[in-house]
Amino acid sequence: MGIVGSFPFNSFLSGVLSCVGTAVLEICLCIQVTKENKEFKDLPLERAFADFVLCNLVLHLVIMNFLG
């Protein structure tokens, strides 16, 4: 690691954070589109999916930036 820098660790950390972040966003999407959930009953399905896509895009842009 002293010779090559922290690149291998950054790759591993980025992969793990990408998987965990996408899973968390997917859980949030499932919570928003569930019919039994009264908290998000007025939220349109298109809005929930657009939020998911936008947050996923931002997450992966940050991860790509972290890779350097």
N, C-alpha and C. Protein backbone atom coordinates (compact mmCIF):
# COMPACT_ATOMS: atom_id res chain seq x y z
N MET A 1 0.83 -1.19 0.00
CA MET A 1 0.00 0.00 0.00
C MET A 1 0.87 1.24 0.00
N GLY A 2 2.06 1.13 0.56
CA GLY A 2 2.97 2.28 0.55
C GLY A 2 3.49 2.60 -0.84
N ILE A 3 3.57 1.58 -1.70
CA ILE A 3 4.08 1.79 -3.05
C ILE A 3 3.00 2.29 -4.00
N VAL A 4 1.84 1.64 -3.97
CA VAL A 4 0.77 1.99 -4.92
C VAL A 4 -0.19 3.02 -4.39
N GLY A 5 -0.15 3.33 -3.15
CA GLY A 5 -1.11 4.27 -2.58
C GLY A 5 -2.32 3.53 -2.04
N SER A 6 -3.40 4.24 -1.87
CA SER A 6 -4.60 3.63 -1.28
C SER A 6 -5.63 3.26 -2.33
N PHE A 7 -5.21 3.14 -3.61
CA PHE A 7 -6.16 2.85 -4.68
C PHE A 7 -6.91 1.53 -4.49
N PRO A 8 -6.24 0.42 -4.13
CA PRO A 8 -7.02 -0.83 -3.95
C PRO A 8 -8.06 -0.71 -2.84
N PHE A 9 -7.72 -0.03 -1.77
CA PHE A 9 -8.68 0.14 -0.68
C PHE A 9 -9.84 1.03 -1.11
N ASN A 10 -9.56 2.09 -1.90
CA ASN A 10 -10.63 2.95 -2.39
C ASN A 10 -11.58 2.19 -3.29
N SER A 11 -11.07 1.29 -4.11
CA SER A 11 -11.92 0.48 -4.99
C SER A 11 -12.82 -0.43 -4.17
N PHE A 12 -12.25 -1.08 -3.18
CA PHE A 12 -13.04 -1.96 -2.32
C PHE A 12 -14.11 -1.19 -1.58
N LEU A 13 -13.72 -0.05 -1.00
CA LEU A 13 -14.66 0.76 -0.24
C LEU A 13 -15.76 1.31 -1.15
N SER A 14 -15.43 1.71 -2.35
CA SER A 14 -16.42 2.22 -3.29
C SER A 14 -17.41 1.13 -3.69
N GLY A 15 -16.94 -0.07 -3.89
CA GLY A 15 -17.82 -1.18 -4.23
C GLY A 15 -18.80 -1.49 -3.11
N VAL A 16 -18.31 -1.51 -1.90
CA VAL A 16 -19.17 -1.80 -0.76
C VAL A 16 -20.20 -0.68 -0.57
N LEU A 17 -19.74 0.57 -0.64
CA LEU A 17 -20.67 1.70 -0.45
C LEU A 17 -21.70 1.78 -1.58
N SER A 18 -21.32 1.40 -2.77
CA SER A 18 -22.26 1.38 -3.89
C SER A 18 -23.37 0.35 -3.65
N CYS A 19 -22.99 -0.82 -3.21
CA CYS A 19 -23.98 -1.88 -2.93
C CYS A 19 -24.90 -1.50 -1.78
N VAL A 20 -24.32 -1.02 -0.71
CA VAL A 20 -25.12 -0.66 0.47
C VAL A 20 -26.03 0.54 0.16
N GLY A 21 -25.48 1.54 -0.53
CA GLY A 21 -26.28 2.72 -0.86
C GLY A 21 -27.44 2.40 -1.78
N THR A 22 -27.21 1.56 -2.78
CA THR A 22 -28.28 1.17 -3.69
C THR A 22 -29.34 0.36 -2.95
N ALA A 23 -28.93 -0.51 -2.04
CA ALA A 23 -29.89 -1.29 -1.26
C ALA A 23 -30.75 -0.39 -0.38
N VAL A 24 -30.14 0.61 0.24
CA VAL A 24 -30.90 1.54 1.08
C VAL A 24 -31.90 2.35 0.25
N LEU A 25 -31.46 2.80 -0.92
CA LEU A 25 -32.37 3.54 -1.79
C LEU A 25 -33.52 2.66 -2.29
N GLU A 26 -33.24 1.40 -2.55
CA GLU A 26 -34.28 0.47 -2.98
C GLU A 26 -35.30 0.23 -1.86
N ILE A 27 -34.82 0.11 -0.64
CA ILE A 27 -35.73 -0.05 0.50
C ILE A 27 -36.61 1.18 0.66
N CYS A 28 -36.03 2.36 0.50
CA CYS A 28 -36.81 3.59 0.58
C CYS A 28 -37.87 3.65 -0.51
N LEU A 29 -37.53 3.20 -1.71
CA LEU A 29 -38.49 3.18 -2.81
C LEU A 29 -39.63 2.21 -2.49
N CYS A 30 -39.30 1.04 -1.97
CA CYS A 30 -40.33 0.07 -1.62
C CYS A 30 -41.26 0.60 -0.53
N ILE A 31 -40.72 1.32 0.42
CA ILE A 31 -41.54 1.90 1.47
C ILE A 31 -42.48 2.95 0.89
N GLN A 32 -42.00 3.74 -0.06
CA GLN A 32 -42.82 4.81 -0.63
C GLN A 32 -43.94 4.28 -1.52
N VAL A 33 -43.73 3.17 -2.22
CA VAL A 33 -44.75 2.68 -3.15
C VAL A 33 -45.69 1.64 -2.54
N THR A 34 -45.46 1.24 -1.30
CA THR A 34 -46.35 0.29 -0.64
C THR A 34 -47.70 0.94 -0.38
N LYS A 35 -48.75 0.25 -0.78
CA LYS A 35 -50.11 0.81 -0.66
C LYS A 35 -50.57 0.93 0.80
N GLU A 36 -50.08 0.05 1.67
CA GLU A 36 -50.51 0.06 3.07
C GLU A 36 -49.91 1.21 3.87
N ASN A 37 -48.84 1.83 3.36
CA ASN A 37 -48.17 2.91 4.08
C ASN A 37 -48.98 4.20 3.92
N LYS A 38 -49.55 4.67 5.00
CA LYS A 38 -50.41 5.86 4.95
C LYS A 38 -49.62 7.17 4.90
N GLU A 39 -48.34 7.13 5.26
CA GLU A 39 -47.53 8.34 5.28
C GLU A 39 -47.25 8.86 3.87
N PHE A 40 -47.12 7.97 2.89
CA PHE A 40 -46.80 8.37 1.53
C PHE A 40 -47.97 8.11 0.57
N LYS A 41 -49.20 8.12 1.06
CA LYS A 41 -50.33 7.76 0.21
C LYS A 41 -50.59 8.80 -0.88
N ASP A 42 -50.23 10.07 -0.66
CA ASP A 42 -50.47 11.11 -1.66
C ASP A 42 -49.31 11.28 -2.63
N LEU A 43 -48.24 10.53 -2.45
CA LEU A 43 -47.06 10.63 -3.31
C LEU A 43 -47.27 9.81 -4.58
N PRO A 44 -47.20 10.44 -5.75
CA PRO A 44 -47.37 9.66 -6.99
C PRO A 44 -46.21 8.68 -7.20
N LEU A 45 -46.50 7.57 -7.86
CA LEU A 45 -45.48 6.55 -8.11
C LEU A 45 -44.36 7.10 -8.98
N GLU A 46 -44.70 7.98 -9.93
CA GLU A 46 -43.68 8.56 -10.80
C GLU A 46 -42.69 9.41 -10.00
N ARG A 47 -43.19 10.14 -9.02
CA ARG A 47 -42.33 10.98 -8.18
C ARG A 47 -41.39 10.13 -7.35
N ALA A 48 -41.91 9.04 -6.78
CA ALA A 48 -41.08 8.15 -5.98
C ALA A 48 -39.98 7.53 -6.83
N PHE A 49 -40.33 7.09 -8.05
CA PHE A 49 -39.33 6.49 -8.93
C PHE A 49 -38.32 7.53 -9.40
N ALA A 50 -38.77 8.75 -9.68
CA ALA A 50 -37.85 9.81 -10.09
C ALA A 50 -36.88 10.16 -8.96
N ASP A 51 -37.36 10.19 -7.73
CA ASP A 51 -36.48 10.42 -6.58
C ASP A 51 -35.43 9.32 -6.46
N PHE A 52 -35.87 8.07 -6.68
CA PHE A 52 -34.95 6.93 -6.62
C PHE A 52 -33.86 7.05 -7.68
N VAL A 53 -34.25 7.37 -8.90
CA VAL A 53 -33.28 7.47 -9.99
C VAL A 53 -32.32 8.62 -9.76
N LEU A 54 -32.82 9.77 -9.34
CA LEU A 54 -31.97 10.93 -9.09
C LEU A 54 -30.98 10.66 -7.95
N CYS A 55 -31.45 10.10 -6.86
CA CYS A 55 -30.56 9.80 -5.74
C CYS A 55 -29.53 8.73 -6.10
N ASN A 56 -29.95 7.77 -6.90
CA ASN A 56 -29.02 6.73 -7.35
C ASN A 56 -27.94 7.32 -8.25
N LEU A 57 -28.33 8.25 -9.11
CA LEU A 57 -27.37 8.91 -9.98
C LEU A 57 -26.36 9.72 -9.17
N VAL A 58 -26.84 10.47 -8.18
CA VAL A 58 -25.95 11.26 -7.33
C VAL A 58 -25.02 10.34 -6.53
N LEU A 59 -25.56 9.26 -6.01
CA LEU A 59 -24.75 8.30 -5.26
C LEU A 59 -23.60 7.76 -6.11
N HIS A 60 -23.91 7.35 -7.33
CA HIS A 60 -22.86 6.76 -8.16
C HIS A 60 -21.90 7.81 -8.70
N LEU A 61 -22.33 9.04 -8.86
CA LEU A 61 -21.39 10.11 -9.23
C LEU A 61 -20.40 10.36 -8.09
N VAL A 62 -20.88 10.35 -6.87
CA VAL A 62 -20.00 10.54 -5.71
C VAL A 62 -19.02 9.36 -5.60
N ILE A 63 -19.50 8.17 -5.86
CA ILE A 63 -18.63 6.98 -5.78
C ILE A 63 -17.57 7.03 -6.87
N MET A 64 -17.95 7.44 -8.08
CA MET A 64 -16.96 7.56 -9.16
C MET A 64 -15.93 8.65 -8.85
N ASN A 65 -16.37 9.71 -8.21
CA ASN A 65 -15.46 10.77 -7.81
C ASN A 65 -14.51 10.28 -6.72
N PHE A 66 -15.00 9.44 -5.83
CA PHE A 66 -14.17 8.89 -4.76
C PHE A 66 -13.08 7.98 -5.31
N LEU A 67 -13.40 7.28 -6.40
CA LEU A 67 -12.40 6.40 -7.00
C LEU A 67 -11.22 7.20 -7.55
N GLY A 68 -11.51 8.43 -8.02
CA GLY A 68 -10.46 9.31 -8.49
C GLY A 68 -9.96 8.88 -9.80
